[in-house]
PDB file of N, CA and C in Angstrom:
ATOM      1  N   MET A   1       0.819  -1.195   0.000  1.00  0.00           N
ATOM      2  CA  MET A   1       0.000   0.000   0.000  1.00  0.00           C
ATOM      3  C   MET A   1       0.862   1.258   0.000  1.00  0.00           C
ATOM      4  N   ALA A   2       1.923   1.280   0.803  1.00  0.00           N
ATOM      5  CA  ALA A   2       2.796   2.449   0.857  1.00  0.00           C
ATOM      6  C   ALA A   2       3.444   2.710  -0.495  1.00  0.00           C
ATOM      7  N   GLU A   3       3.739   1.649  -1.252  1.00  0.00           N
ATOM      8  CA  GLU A   3       4.364   1.816  -2.557  1.00  0.00           C
ATOM      9  C   GLU A   3       3.497   2.656  -3.489  1.00  0.00           C
ATOM     10  N   SER A   4       2.193   2.408  -3.524  1.00  0.00           N
ATOM     11  CA  SER A   4       1.323   3.177  -4.415  1.00  0.00           C
ATOM     12  C   SER A   4       1.206   4.620  -3.951  1.00  0.00           C
ATOM     13  N   HIS A   5       1.216   4.849  -2.634  1.00  0.00           N
ATOM     14  CA  HIS A   5       1.143   6.218  -2.126  1.00  0.00           C
ATOM     15  C   HIS A   5       2.427   6.985  -2.403  1.00  0.00           C
ATOM     16  N   ALA A   6       3.558   6.301  -2.450  1.00  0.00           N
ATOM     17  CA  ALA A   6       4.831   6.970  -2.713  1.00  0.00           C
ATOM     18  C   ALA A   6       4.797   7.663  -4.066  1.00  0.00           C
ATOM     19  N   ALA A   7       4.237   7.009  -5.069  1.00  0.00           N
ATOM     20  CA  ALA A   7       4.168   7.598  -6.403  1.00  0.00           C
ATOM     21  C   ALA A   7       3.308   8.855  -6.416  1.00  0.00           C
ATOM     22  N   ASP A   8       2.314   8.920  -5.548  1.00  0.00           N
ATOM     23  CA  ASP A   8       1.447  10.091  -5.473  1.00  0.00           C
ATOM     24  C   ASP A   8       2.098  11.245  -4.724  1.00  0.00           C
ATOM     25  N   ARG A   9       2.957  10.956  -3.757  1.00  0.00           N
ATOM     26  CA  ARG A   9       3.508  11.989  -2.873  1.00  0.00           C
ATOM     27  C   ARG A   9       4.968  12.329  -3.116  1.00  0.00           C
ATOM     28  N   ILE A  10       5.699  11.452  -3.807  1.00  0.00           N
ATOM     29  CA  ILE A  10       7.132  11.661  -3.981  1.00  0.00           C
ATOM     30  C   ILE A  10       7.503  11.588  -5.459  1.00  0.00           C
ATOM     31  N   ARG A  11       8.328  12.556  -5.875  1.00  0.00           N
ATOM     32  CA  ARG A  11       8.907  12.534  -7.225  1.00  0.00           C
ATOM     33  C   ARG A  11      10.422  12.589  -7.088  1.00  0.00           C
ATOM     34  N   LEU A  12      11.098  11.754  -7.844  1.00  0.00           N
ATOM     35  CA  LEU A  12      12.557  11.762  -7.895  1.00  0.00           C
ATOM     36  C   LEU A  12      12.987  12.278  -9.257  1.00  0.00           C
ATOM     37  N   ARG A  13      14.041  13.096  -9.268  1.00  0.00           N
ATOM     38  CA  ARG A  13      14.606  13.522 -10.541  1.00  0.00           C
ATOM     39  C   ARG A  13      16.085  13.795 -10.358  1.00  0.00           C
ATOM     40  N   HIS A  14      16.842  13.583 -11.415  1.00  0.00           N
ATOM     41  CA  HIS A  14      18.276  13.877 -11.360  1.00  0.00           C
ATOM     42  C   HIS A  14      18.470  15.380 -11.422  1.00  0.00           C
ATOM     43  N   GLY A  15      19.345  15.876 -10.568  1.00  0.00           N
ATOM     44  CA  GLY A  15      19.649  17.304 -10.550  1.00  0.00           C
ATOM     45  C   GLY A  15      20.344  17.723 -11.834  1.00  0.00           C
ATOM     46  N   SER A  16      20.305  19.011 -12.100  1.00  0.00           N
ATOM     47  CA  SER A  16      20.931  19.531 -13.319  1.00  0.00           C
ATOM     48  C   SER A  16      21.992  20.552 -12.932  1.00  0.00           C
ATOM     49  N   GLY A  17      23.114  20.075 -12.520  1.00  0.00           N
ATOM     50  CA  GLY A  17      24.192  20.972 -12.121  1.00  0.00           C
ATOM     51  C   GLY A  17      24.940  20.418 -10.934  1.00  0.00           C
ATOM     52  N   ARG A  18      25.848  21.228 -10.446  1.00  0.00           N
ATOM     53  CA  ARG A  18      26.713  20.826  -9.332  1.00  0.00           C
ATOM     54  C   ARG A  18      26.208  21.454  -8.045  1.00  0.00           C
ATOM     55  N   LEU A  19      26.065  20.639  -7.006  1.00  0.00           N
ATOM     56  CA  LEU A  19      25.659  21.124  -5.689  1.00  0.00           C
ATOM     57  C   LEU A  19      26.750  20.820  -4.675  1.00  0.00           C
ATOM     58  N   GLN A  20      26.842  21.706  -3.681  1.00  0.00           N
ATOM     59  CA  GLN A  20      27.755  21.505  -2.565  1.00  0.00           C
ATOM     60  C   GLN A  20      26.994  21.671  -1.262  1.00  0.00           C
ATOM     61  N   VAL A  21      27.452  20.957  -0.240  1.00  0.00           N
ATOM     62  CA  VAL A  21      26.928  21.104   1.117  1.00  0.00           C
ATOM     63  C   VAL A  21      28.058  21.694   1.952  1.00  0.00           C
ATOM     64  N   LEU A  22      27.784  22.845   2.584  1.00  0.00           N
ATOM     65  CA  LEU A  22      28.796  23.557   3.363  1.00  0.00           C
ATOM     66  C   LEU A  22      28.375  23.667   4.816  1.00  0.00           C
ATOM     67  N   LEU A  23      29.359  23.528   5.708  1.00  0.00           N
ATOM     68  CA  LEU A  23      29.132  23.693   7.141  1.00  0.00           C
ATOM     69  C   LEU A  23      30.377  24.326   7.739  1.00  0.00           C
ATOM     70  N   ASP A  24      30.214  25.498   8.315  1.00  0.00           N
ATOM     71  CA  ASP A  24      31.336  26.199   8.956  1.00  0.00           C
ATOM     72  C   ASP A  24      32.545  26.315   8.035  1.00  0.00           C
ATOM     73  N   GLY A  25      32.303  26.600   6.756  1.00  0.00           N
ATOM     74  CA  GLY A  25      33.399  26.761   5.810  1.00  0.00           C
ATOM     75  C   GLY A  25      33.976  25.470   5.268  1.00  0.00           C
ATOM     76  N   HIS A  26      33.491  24.336   5.712  1.00  0.00           N
ATOM     77  CA  HIS A  26      33.948  23.035   5.218  1.00  0.00           C
ATOM     78  C   HIS A  26      32.943  22.494   4.207  1.00  0.00           C
ATOM     79  N   CYS A  27      33.450  21.857   3.174  1.00  0.00           N
ATOM     80  CA  CYS A  27      32.589  21.233   2.173  1.00  0.00           C
ATOM     81  C   CYS A  27      32.340  19.781   2.585  1.00  0.00           C
ATOM     82  N   LEU A  28      31.091  19.486   2.942  1.00  0.00           N
ATOM     83  CA  LEU A  28      30.719  18.122   3.339  1.00  0.00           C
ATOM     84  C   LEU A  28      30.402  17.243   2.134  1.00  0.00           C
ATOM     85  N   ALA A  29      29.905  17.864   1.059  1.00  0.00           N
ATOM     86  CA  ALA A  29      29.540  17.099  -0.136  1.00  0.00           C
ATOM     87  C   ALA A  29      29.664  17.996  -1.356  1.00  0.00           C
ATOM     88  N   ASP A  30      29.993  17.374  -2.493  1.00  0.00           N
ATOM     89  CA  ASP A  30      30.176  18.103  -3.744  1.00  0.00           C
ATOM     90  C   ASP A  30      29.940  17.108  -4.875  1.00  0.00           C
ATOM     91  N   SER A  31      28.921  17.351  -5.690  1.00  0.00           N
ATOM     92  CA  SER A  31      28.624  16.383  -6.751  1.00  0.00           C
ATOM     93  C   SER A  31      27.742  16.987  -7.843  1.00  0.00           C
ATOM     94  N   THR A  32      27.877  16.428  -9.038  1.00  0.00           N
ATOM     95  CA  THR A  32      26.956  16.721 -10.137  1.00  0.00           C
ATOM     96  C   THR A  32      25.953  15.579 -10.297  1.00  0.00           C
ATOM     97  N   ASP A  33      26.115  14.530  -9.499  1.00  0.00           N
ATOM     98  CA  ASP A  33      25.245  13.345  -9.562  1.00  0.00           C
ATOM     99  C   ASP A  33      24.315  13.325  -8.348  1.00  0.00           C
ATOM    100  N   VAL A  34      23.421  14.303  -8.295  1.00  0.00           N
ATOM    101  CA  VAL A  34      22.520  14.464  -7.155  1.00  0.00           C
ATOM    102  C   VAL A  34      21.103  14.098  -7.583  1.00  0.00           C
ATOM    103  N   ILE A  35      20.391  13.390  -6.713  1.00  0.00           N
ATOM    104  CA  ILE A  35      18.982  13.080  -6.967  1.00  0.00           C
ATOM    105  C   ILE A  35      18.135  13.988  -6.089  1.00  0.00           C
ATOM    106  N   GLU A  36      17.208  14.694  -6.718  1.00  0.00           N
ATOM    107  CA  GLU A  36      16.273  15.554  -5.987  1.00  0.00           C
ATOM    108  C   GLU A  36      15.051  14.735  -5.605  1.00  0.00           C
ATOM    109  N   LEU A  37      14.663  14.821  -4.337  1.00  0.00           N
ATOM    110  CA  LEU A  37      13.464  14.141  -3.860  1.00  0.00           C
ATOM    111  C   LEU A  37      12.444  15.213  -3.494  1.00  0.00           C
ATOM    112  N   HIS A  38      11.357  15.252  -4.242  1.00  0.00           N
ATOM    113  CA  HIS A  38      10.268  16.199  -4.011  1.00  0.00           C
ATOM    114  C   HIS A  38       9.131  15.431  -3.347  1.00  0.00           C
ATOM    115  N   GLU A  39       8.868  15.744  -2.075  1.00  0.00           N
ATOM    116  CA  GLU A  39       7.809  15.073  -1.323  1.00  0.00           C
ATOM    117  C   GLU A  39       6.787  16.103  -0.874  1.00  0.00           C
ATOM    118  N   THR A  40       5.521  15.832  -1.135  1.00  0.00           N
ATOM    119  CA  THR A  40       4.441  16.738  -0.765  1.00  0.00           C
ATOM    120  C   THR A  40       4.546  17.132   0.702  1.00  0.00           C
ATOM    121  N   GLY A  41       4.548  18.448   0.951  1.00  0.00           N
ATOM    122  CA  GLY A  41       4.564  18.958   2.314  1.00  0.00           C
ATOM    123  C   GLY A  41       5.941  19.109   2.938  1.00  0.00           C
ATOM    124  N   TYR A  42       7.010  18.794   2.188  1.00  0.00           N
ATOM    125  CA  TYR A  42       8.374  18.873   2.720  1.00  0.00           C
ATOM    126  C   TYR A  42       9.264  19.644   1.755  1.00  0.00           C
ATOM    127  N   PRO A  43      10.356  20.220   2.275  1.00  0.00           N
ATOM    128  CA  PRO A  43      11.304  20.871   1.360  1.00  0.00           C
ATOM    129  C   PRO A  43      11.986  19.834   0.472  1.00  0.00           C
ATOM    130  N   VAL A  44      12.468  20.272  -0.676  1.00  0.00           N
ATOM    131  CA  VAL A  44      13.214  19.378  -1.566  1.00  0.00           C
ATOM    132  C   VAL A  44      14.445  18.877  -0.823  1.00  0.00           C
ATOM    133  N   ARG A  45      14.724  17.594  -0.957  1.00  0.00           N
ATOM    134  CA  ARG A  45      15.921  16.997  -0.365  1.00  0.00           C
ATOM    135  C   ARG A  45      16.828  16.541  -1.500  1.00  0.00           C
ATOM    136  N   TYR A  46      18.112  16.739  -1.310  1.00  0.00           N
ATOM    137  CA  TYR A  46      19.106  16.408  -2.325  1.00  0.00           C
ATOM    138  C   TYR A  46      19.932  15.231  -1.827  1.00  0.00           C
ATOM    139  N   TYR A  47      19.909  14.139  -2.561  1.00  0.00           N
ATOM    140  CA  TYR A  47      20.615  12.920  -2.173  1.00  0.00           C
ATOM    141  C   TYR A  47      21.916  12.805  -2.972  1.00  0.00           C
ATOM    142  N   PHE A  48      23.031  12.852  -2.232  1.00  0.00           N
ATOM    143  CA  PHE A  48      24.367  12.821  -2.808  1.00  0.00           C
ATOM    144  C   PHE A  48      24.922  11.402  -2.784  1.00  0.00           C
ATOM    145  N   PRO A  49      25.660  11.007  -3.838  1.00  0.00           N
ATOM    146  CA  PRO A  49      26.330   9.706  -3.794  1.00  0.00           C
ATOM    147  C   PRO A  49      27.449   9.762  -2.756  1.00  0.00           C
ATOM    148  N   ARG A  50      27.722   8.657  -2.113  1.00  0.00           N
ATOM    149  CA  ARG A  50      28.777   8.641  -1.087  1.00  0.00           C
ATOM    150  C   ARG A  50      30.128   9.057  -1.657  1.00  0.00           C
ATOM    151  N   ALA A  51      30.360   8.786  -2.935  1.00  0.00           N
ATOM    152  CA  ALA A  51      31.631   9.179  -3.551  1.00  0.00           C
ATOM    153  C   ALA A  51      31.813  10.697  -3.537  1.00  0.00           C
ATOM    154  N   GLY A  52      30.723  11.452  -3.449  1.00  0.00           N
ATOM    155  CA  GLY A  52      30.798  12.906  -3.420  1.00  0.00           C
ATOM    156  C   GLY A  52      30.706  13.495  -2.028  1.00  0.00           C
ATOM    157  N   VAL A  53      30.708  12.647  -1.005  1.00  0.00           N
ATOM    158  CA  VAL A  53      30.558  13.094   0.385  1.00  0.00           C
ATOM    159  C   VAL A  53      31.871  12.867   1.133  1.00  0.00           C
ATOM    160  N   GLU A  54      32.274  13.844   1.917  1.00  0.00           N
ATOM    161  CA  GLU A  54      33.468  13.708   2.768  1.00  0.00           C
ATOM    162  C   GLU A  54      33.089  12.873   3.992  1.00  0.00           C
ATOM    163  N   MET A  55      33.070  11.562   3.817  1.00  0.00           N
ATOM    164  CA  MET A  55      32.619  10.661   4.876  1.00  0.00           C
ATOM    165  C   MET A  55      33.497  10.756   6.123  1.00  0.00           C
ATOM    166  N   GLY A  56      34.739  11.211   5.976  1.00  0.00           N
ATOM    167  CA  GLY A  56      35.618  11.382   7.124  1.00  0.00           C
ATOM    168  C   GLY A  56      35.160  12.474   8.078  1.00  0.00           C
ATOM    169  N   LEU A  57      34.279  13.373   7.607  1.00  0.00           N
ATOM    170  CA  LEU A  57      33.732  14.431   8.459  1.00  0.00           C
ATOM    171  C   LEU A  57      32.419  14.013   9.114  1.00  0.00           C
ATOM    172  N   LEU A  58      31.899  12.840   8.733  1.00  0.00           N
ATOM    173  CA  LEU A  58      30.623  12.358   9.265  1.00  0.00           C
ATOM    174  C   LEU A  58      30.848  11.175  10.199  1.00  0.00           C
ATOM    175  N   THR A  59      29.982  11.086  11.198  1.00  0.00           N
ATOM    176  CA  THR A  59      30.030   9.994  12.163  1.00  0.00           C
ATOM    177  C   THR A  59      28.635   9.394  12.285  1.00  0.00           C
ATOM    178  N   PRO A  60      28.485   8.078  12.132  1.00  0.00           N
ATOM    179  CA  PRO A  60      27.160   7.480  12.323  1.00  0.00           C
ATOM    180  C   PRO A  60      26.651   7.745  13.742  1.00  0.00           C
ATOM    181  N   THR A  61      25.352   7.985  13.863  1.00  0.00           N
ATOM    182  CA  THR A  61      24.731   8.144  15.177  1.00  0.00           C
ATOM    183  C   THR A  61      23.801   6.956  15.413  1.00  0.00           C
ATOM    184  N   ALA A  62      23.254   6.880  16.595  1.00  0.00           N
ATOM    185  CA  ALA A  62      22.333   5.787  16.934  1.00  0.00           C
ATOM    186  C   ALA A  62      20.922   6.047  16.422  1.00  0.00           C
ATOM    187  N   THR A  63      20.666   7.224  15.895  1.00  0.00           N
ATOM    188  CA  THR A  63      19.316   7.584  15.458  1.00  0.00           C
ATOM    189  C   THR A  63      18.893   6.770  14.244  1.00  0.00           C
ATOM    190  N   ARG A  64      17.682   6.248  14.307  1.00  0.00           N
ATOM    191  CA  ARG A  64      17.050   5.541  13.194  1.00  0.00           C
ATOM    192  C   ARG A  64      15.604   6.018  13.129  1.00  0.00           C
ATOM    193  N   THR A  65      15.089   6.188  11.923  1.00  0.00           N
ATOM    194  CA  THR A  65      13.676   6.538  11.760  1.00  0.00           C
ATOM    195  C   THR A  65      13.077   5.656  10.676  1.00  0.00           C
ATOM    196  N   HIS A  66      11.759   5.606  10.666  1.00  0.00           N
ATOM    197  CA  HIS A  66      11.046   4.845   9.644  1.00  0.00           C
ATOM    198  C   HIS A  66      10.086   5.771   8.917  1.00  0.00           C
ATOM    199  N   CYS A  67      10.159   5.766   7.600  1.00  0.00           N
ATOM    200  CA  CYS A  67       9.212   6.492   6.755  1.00  0.00           C
ATOM    201  C   CYS A  67       8.395   5.444   6.007  1.00  0.00           C
ATOM    202  N   PRO A  68       7.069   5.512   6.060  1.00  0.00           N
ATOM    203  CA  PRO A  68       6.261   4.506   5.374  1.00  0.00           C
ATOM    204  C   PRO A  68       6.402   4.552   3.853  1.00  0.00           C
ATOM    205  N   LEU A  69       6.955   5.645   3.313  1.00  0.00           N
ATOM    206  CA  LEU A  69       7.115   5.769   1.866  1.00  0.00           C
ATOM    207  C   LEU A  69       8.527   5.452   1.383  1.00  0.00           C
ATOM    208  N   LYS A  70       9.502   5.587   2.284  1.00  0.00           N
ATOM    209  CA  LYS A  70      10.899   5.388   1.888  1.00  0.00           C
ATOM    210  C   LYS A  70      11.568   4.213   2.593  1.00  0.00           C
ATOM    211  N   GLY A  71      11.213   3.940   3.824  1.00  0.00           N
ATOM    212  CA  GLY A  71      11.822   2.837   4.568  1.00  0.00           C
ATOM    213  C   GLY A  71      12.581   3.318   5.784  1.00  0.00           C
ATOM    214  N   GLU A  72      13.611   2.546   6.183  1.00  0.00           N
ATOM    215  CA  GLU A  72      14.400   2.829   7.389  1.00  0.00           C
ATOM    216  C   GLU A  72      15.590   3.722   7.050  1.00  0.00           C
ATOM    217  N   ALA A  73      15.746   4.794   7.830  1.00  0.00           N
ATOM    218  CA  ALA A  73      16.865   5.722   7.630  1.00  0.00           C
ATOM    219  C   ALA A  73      17.858   5.611   8.777  1.00  0.00           C
ATOM    220  N   GLU A  74      19.137   5.763   8.440  1.00  0.00           N
ATOM    221  CA  GLU A  74      20.198   5.871   9.433  1.00  0.00           C
ATOM    222  C   GLU A  74      20.742   7.293   9.360  1.00  0.00           C
ATOM    223  N   TYR A  75      21.275   7.793  10.483  1.00  0.00           N
ATOM    224  CA  TYR A  75      21.688   9.196  10.571  1.00  0.00           C
ATOM    225  C   TYR A  75      23.172   9.344  10.852  1.00  0.00           C
ATOM    226  N   PHE A  76      23.678  10.551  10.533  1.00  0.00           N
ATOM    227  CA  PHE A  76      25.084  10.886  10.704  1.00  0.00           C
ATOM    228  C   PHE A  76      25.213  12.274  11.317  1.00  0.00           C
ATOM    229  N   GLY A  77      26.213  12.425  12.164  1.00  0.00           N
ATOM    230  CA  GLY A  77      26.586  13.733  12.679  1.00  0.00           C
ATOM    231  C   GLY A  77      27.780  14.243  11.889  1.00  0.00           C
ATOM    232  N   ALA A  78      28.012  15.563  11.921  1.00  0.00           N
ATOM    233  CA  ALA A  78      29.149  16.160  11.213  1.00  0.00           C
ATOM    234  C   ALA A  78      30.073  16.846  12.209  1.00  0.00           C
ATOM    235  N   ARG A  79      31.362  16.613  12.046  1.00  0.00           N
ATOM    236  CA  ARG A  79      32.368  17.270  12.890  1.00  0.00           C
ATOM    237  C   ARG A  79      33.247  18.132  11.984  1.00  0.00           C
ATOM    238  N   THR A  80      33.156  19.446  12.164  1.00  0.00           N
ATOM    239  CA  THR A  80      34.010  20.363  11.415  1.00  0.00           C
ATOM    240  C   THR A  80      34.876  21.189  12.353  1.00  0.00           C
ATOM    241  N   GLY A  81      34.789  20.908  13.630  1.00  0.00           N
ATOM    242  CA  GLY A  81      35.556  21.601  14.660  1.00  0.00           C
ATOM    243  C   GLY A  81      35.471  20.771  15.920  1.00  0.00           C
ATOM    244  N   PRO A  82      35.482  21.410  17.074  1.00  0.00           N
ATOM    245  CA  PRO A  82      35.431  20.648  18.320  1.00  0.00           C
ATOM    246  C   PRO A  82      34.074  19.997  18.603  1.00  0.00           C
ATOM    247  N   ALA A  83      33.012  20.542  18.055  1.00  0.00           N
ATOM    248  CA  ALA A  83      31.671  20.013  18.339  1.00  0.00           C
ATOM    249  C   ALA A  83      31.153  19.177  17.171  1.00  0.00           C
ATOM    250  N   VAL A  84      30.260  18.250  17.491  1.00  0.00           N
ATOM    251  CA  VAL A  84      29.590  17.441  16.469  1.00  0.00           C
ATOM    252  C   VAL A  84      28.168  17.948  16.318  1.00  0.00           C
ATOM    253  N   LEU A  85      27.749  18.190  15.086  1.00  0.00           N
ATOM    254  CA  LEU A  85      26.371  18.563  14.795  1.00  0.00           C
ATOM    255  C   LEU A  85      25.622  17.257  14.549  1.00  0.00           C
ATOM    256  N   ALA A  86      24.823  16.831  15.523  1.00  0.00           N
ATOM    257  CA  ALA A  86      24.173  15.516  15.478  1.00  0.00           C
ATOM    258  C   ALA A  86      23.084  15.443  14.407  1.00  0.00           C
ATOM    259  N   ASP A  87      22.978  14.287  13.799  1.00  0.00           N
ATOM    260  CA  ASP A  87      21.865  13.949  12.900  1.00  0.00           C
ATOM    261  C   ASP A  87      21.633  14.991  11.806  1.00  0.00           C
ATOM    262  N   VAL A  88      22.700  15.464  11.200  1.00  0.00           N
ATOM    263  CA  VAL A  88      22.600  16.474  10.151  1.00  0.00           C
ATOM    264  C   VAL A  88      22.425  15.844   8.761  1.00  0.00           C
ATOM    265  N   ALA A  89      22.694  14.547   8.665  1.00  0.00           N
ATOM    266  CA  ALA A  89      22.561  13.839   7.390  1.00  0.00           C
ATOM    267  C   ALA A  89      21.921  12.484   7.638  1.00  0.00           C
ATOM    268  N   TRP A  90      21.308  11.942   6.588  1.00  0.00           N
ATOM    269  CA  TRP A  90      20.694  10.619   6.711  1.00  0.00           C
ATOM    270  C   TRP A  90      20.774   9.883   5.385  1.00  0.00           C
ATOM    271  N   SER A  91      20.562   8.586   5.485  1.00  0.00           N
ATOM    272  CA  SER A  91      20.642   7.717   4.322  1.00  0.00           C
ATOM    273  C   SER A  91      19.648   6.571   4.486  1.00  0.00           C
ATOM    274  N   TYR A  92      19.165   6.083   3.365  1.00  0.00           N
ATOM    275  CA  TYR A  92      18.315   4.891   3.337  1.00  0.00           C
ATOM    276  C   TYR A  92      19.140   3.779   2.695  1.00  0.00           C
ATOM    277  N   PRO A  93      19.801   2.927   3.500  1.00  0.00           N
ATOM    278  CA  PRO A  93      20.657   1.883   2.933  1.00  0.00           C
ATOM    279  C   PRO A  93      19.890   0.874   2.079  1.00  0.00           C
ATOM    280  N   ALA A  94      18.659   0.569   2.470  1.00  0.00           N
ATOM    281  CA  ALA A  94      17.827  -0.397   1.739  1.00  0.00           C
ATOM    282  C   ALA A  94      16.397   0.140   1.702  1.00  0.00           C
ATOM    283  N   PRO A  95      16.154   1.173   0.882  1.00  0.00           N
ATOM    284  CA  PRO A  95      14.818   1.777   0.858  1.00  0.00           C
ATOM    285  C   PRO A  95      13.789   0.845   0.224  1.00  0.00           C
ATOM    286  N   LEU A  96      12.540   1.234   0.343  1.00  0.00           N
ATOM    287  CA  LEU A  96      11.475   0.504  -0.337  1.00  0.00           C
ATOM    288  C   LEU A  96      11.734   0.548  -1.845  1.00  0.00           C
ATOM    289  N   PRO A  97      11.253  -0.450  -2.598  1.00  0.00           N
ATOM    290  CA  PRO A  97      11.576  -0.551  -4.021  1.00  0.00           C
ATOM    291  C   PRO A  97      11.335   0.721  -4.842  1.00  0.00           C
ATOM    292  N   ALA A  98      10.268   1.449  -4.575  1.00  0.00           N
ATOM    293  CA  ALA A  98       9.987   2.661  -5.353  1.00  0.00           C
ATOM    294  C   ALA A  98      11.046   3.741  -5.147  1.00  0.00           C
ATOM    295  N   MET A  99      11.811   3.642  -4.063  1.00  0.00           N
ATOM    296  CA  MET A  99      12.836   4.638  -3.739  1.00  0.00           C
ATOM    297  C   MET A  99      14.249   4.113  -3.975  1.00  0.00           C
ATOM    298  N   ALA A 100      14.374   3.032  -4.722  1.00  0.00           N
ATOM    299  CA  ALA A 100      15.679   2.408  -4.971  1.00  0.00           C
ATOM    300  C   ALA A 100      16.752   3.387  -5.460  1.00  0.00           C
ATOM    301  N   PRO A 101      16.428   4.399  -6.261  1.00  0.00           N
ATOM    302  CA  PRO A 101      17.485   5.311  -6.723  1.00  0.00           C
ATOM    303  C   PRO A 101      18.223   6.057  -5.605  1.00  0.00           C
ATOM    304  N   ILE A 102      17.625   6.196  -4.419  1.00  0.00           N
ATOM    305  CA  ILE A 102      18.312   6.916  -3.335  1.00  0.00           C
ATOM    306  C   ILE A 102      19.078   5.974  -2.406  1.00  0.00           C
ATOM    307  N   ALA A 103      19.081   4.691  -2.685  1.00  0.00           N
ATOM    308  CA  ALA A 103      19.745   3.709  -1.810  1.00  0.00           C
ATOM    309  C   ALA A 103      21.203   4.078  -1.566  1.00  0.00           C
ATOM    310  N   GLY A 104      21.574   4.186  -0.292  1.00  0.00           N
ATOM    311  CA  GLY A 104      22.949   4.453   0.085  1.00  0.00           C
ATOM    312  C   GLY A 104      23.410   5.889  -0.060  1.00  0.00           C
ATOM    313  N   ARG A 105      22.614   6.725  -0.699  1.00  0.00           N
ATOM    314  CA  ARG A 105      22.973   8.141  -0.855  1.00  0.00           C
ATOM    315  C   ARG A 105      22.687   8.891   0.434  1.00  0.00           C
ATOM    316  N   LEU A 106      23.284  10.071   0.577  1.00  0.00           N
ATOM    317  CA  LEU A 106      23.081  10.880   1.773  1.00  0.00           C
ATOM    318  C   LEU A 106      22.367  12.180   1.444  1.00  0.00           C
ATOM    319  N   ALA A 107      21.417  12.534   2.300  1.00  0.00           N
ATOM    320  CA  ALA A 107      20.736  13.831   2.237  1.00  0.00           C
ATOM    321  C   ALA A 107      21.134  14.608   3.484  1.00  0.00           C
ATOM    322  N   PHE A 108      21.069  15.929   3.391  1.00  0.00           N
ATOM    323  CA  PHE A 108      21.474  16.800   4.490  1.00  0.00           C
ATOM    324  C   PHE A 108      20.330  17.715   4.879  1.00  0.00           C
ATOM    325  N   ASP A 109      20.284  18.068   6.160  1.00  0.00           N
ATOM    326  CA  ASP A 109      19.265  18.969   6.692  1.00  0.00           C
ATOM    327  C   ASP A 109      19.580  20.387   6.232  1.00  0.00           C
ATOM    328  N   GLY A 110      18.839  20.864   5.247  1.00  0.00           N
ATOM    329  CA  GLY A 110      19.071  22.171   4.654  1.00  0.00           C
ATOM    330  C   GLY A 110      18.847  23.344   5.589  1.00  0.00           C
ATOM    331  N   GLU A 111      18.267  23.106   6.754  1.00  0.00           N
ATOM    332  CA  GLU A 111      18.103  24.179   7.733  1.00  0.00           C
ATOM    333  C   GLU A 111      19.324  24.290   8.644  1.00  0.00           C
ATOM    334  N   ARG A 112      20.221  23.298   8.582  1.00  0.00           N
ATOM    335  CA  ARG A 112      21.391  23.287   9.473  1.00  0.00           C
ATOM    336  C   ARG A 112      22.715  23.362   8.723  1.00  0.00           C
ATOM    337  N   VAL A 113      22.666  23.184   7.410  1.00  0.00           N
ATOM    338  CA  VAL A 113      23.842  23.330   6.554  1.00  0.00           C
ATOM    339  C   VAL A 113      23.435  24.201   5.367  1.00  0.00           C
ATOM    340  N   GLN A 114      24.418  24.670   4.622  1.00  0.00           N
ATOM    341  CA  GLN A 114      24.137  25.398   3.389  1.00  0.00           C
ATOM    342  C   GLN A 114      24.226  24.421   2.229  1.00  0.00           C
ATOM    343  N   ILE A 115      23.222  24.445   1.368  1.00  0.00           N
ATOM    344  CA  ILE A 115      23.270  23.660   0.134  1.00  0.00           C
ATOM    345  C   ILE A 115      23.265  24.678  -0.994  1.00  0.00           C
ATOM    346  N   VAL A 116      24.368  24.711  -1.756  1.00  0.00           N
ATOM    347  CA  VAL A 116      24.560  25.766  -2.749  1.00  0.00           C
ATOM    348  C   VAL A 116      24.905  25.185  -4.112  1.00  0.00           C
ATOM    349  N   THR A 117      24.583  25.947  -5.154  1.00  0.00           N
ATOM    350  CA  THR A 117      25.029  25.577  -6.494  1.00  0.00           C
ATOM    351  C   THR A 117      26.467  26.047  -6.648  1.00  0.00           C
ATOM    352  N   ALA A 118      27.244  25.253  -7.342  1.00  0.00           N
ATOM    353  CA  ALA A 118      28.668  25.589  -7.497  1.00  0.00           C
ATOM    354  C   ALA A 118      29.000  25.808  -8.960  1.00  0.00           C
TER     355      ALA A 118
END
């Protein structure tokens, strides 16, 4: 049932250009291979391939959430100085079939980091 609702509420499309994720002057992600996730009632989320993410600046957290349209998400904190910004990024390692294109990619909380065109 959730699969049919996903098509009504979520649209995926490949981005057209280069995006970067910035935090405190550090680049957390940089890629031209970004998938835009448009979900009714939510801001657009940009899913970056891990190859374009500075994984050395991210630390897995214990946070897990479940979305009935996407599946189980795991979260990451970012360290760009002495403090860690908890749960600033997330990934769906094994999303529901309709969301397979975002599998393993990372999205960032656009209210806590800057997402800019480069």
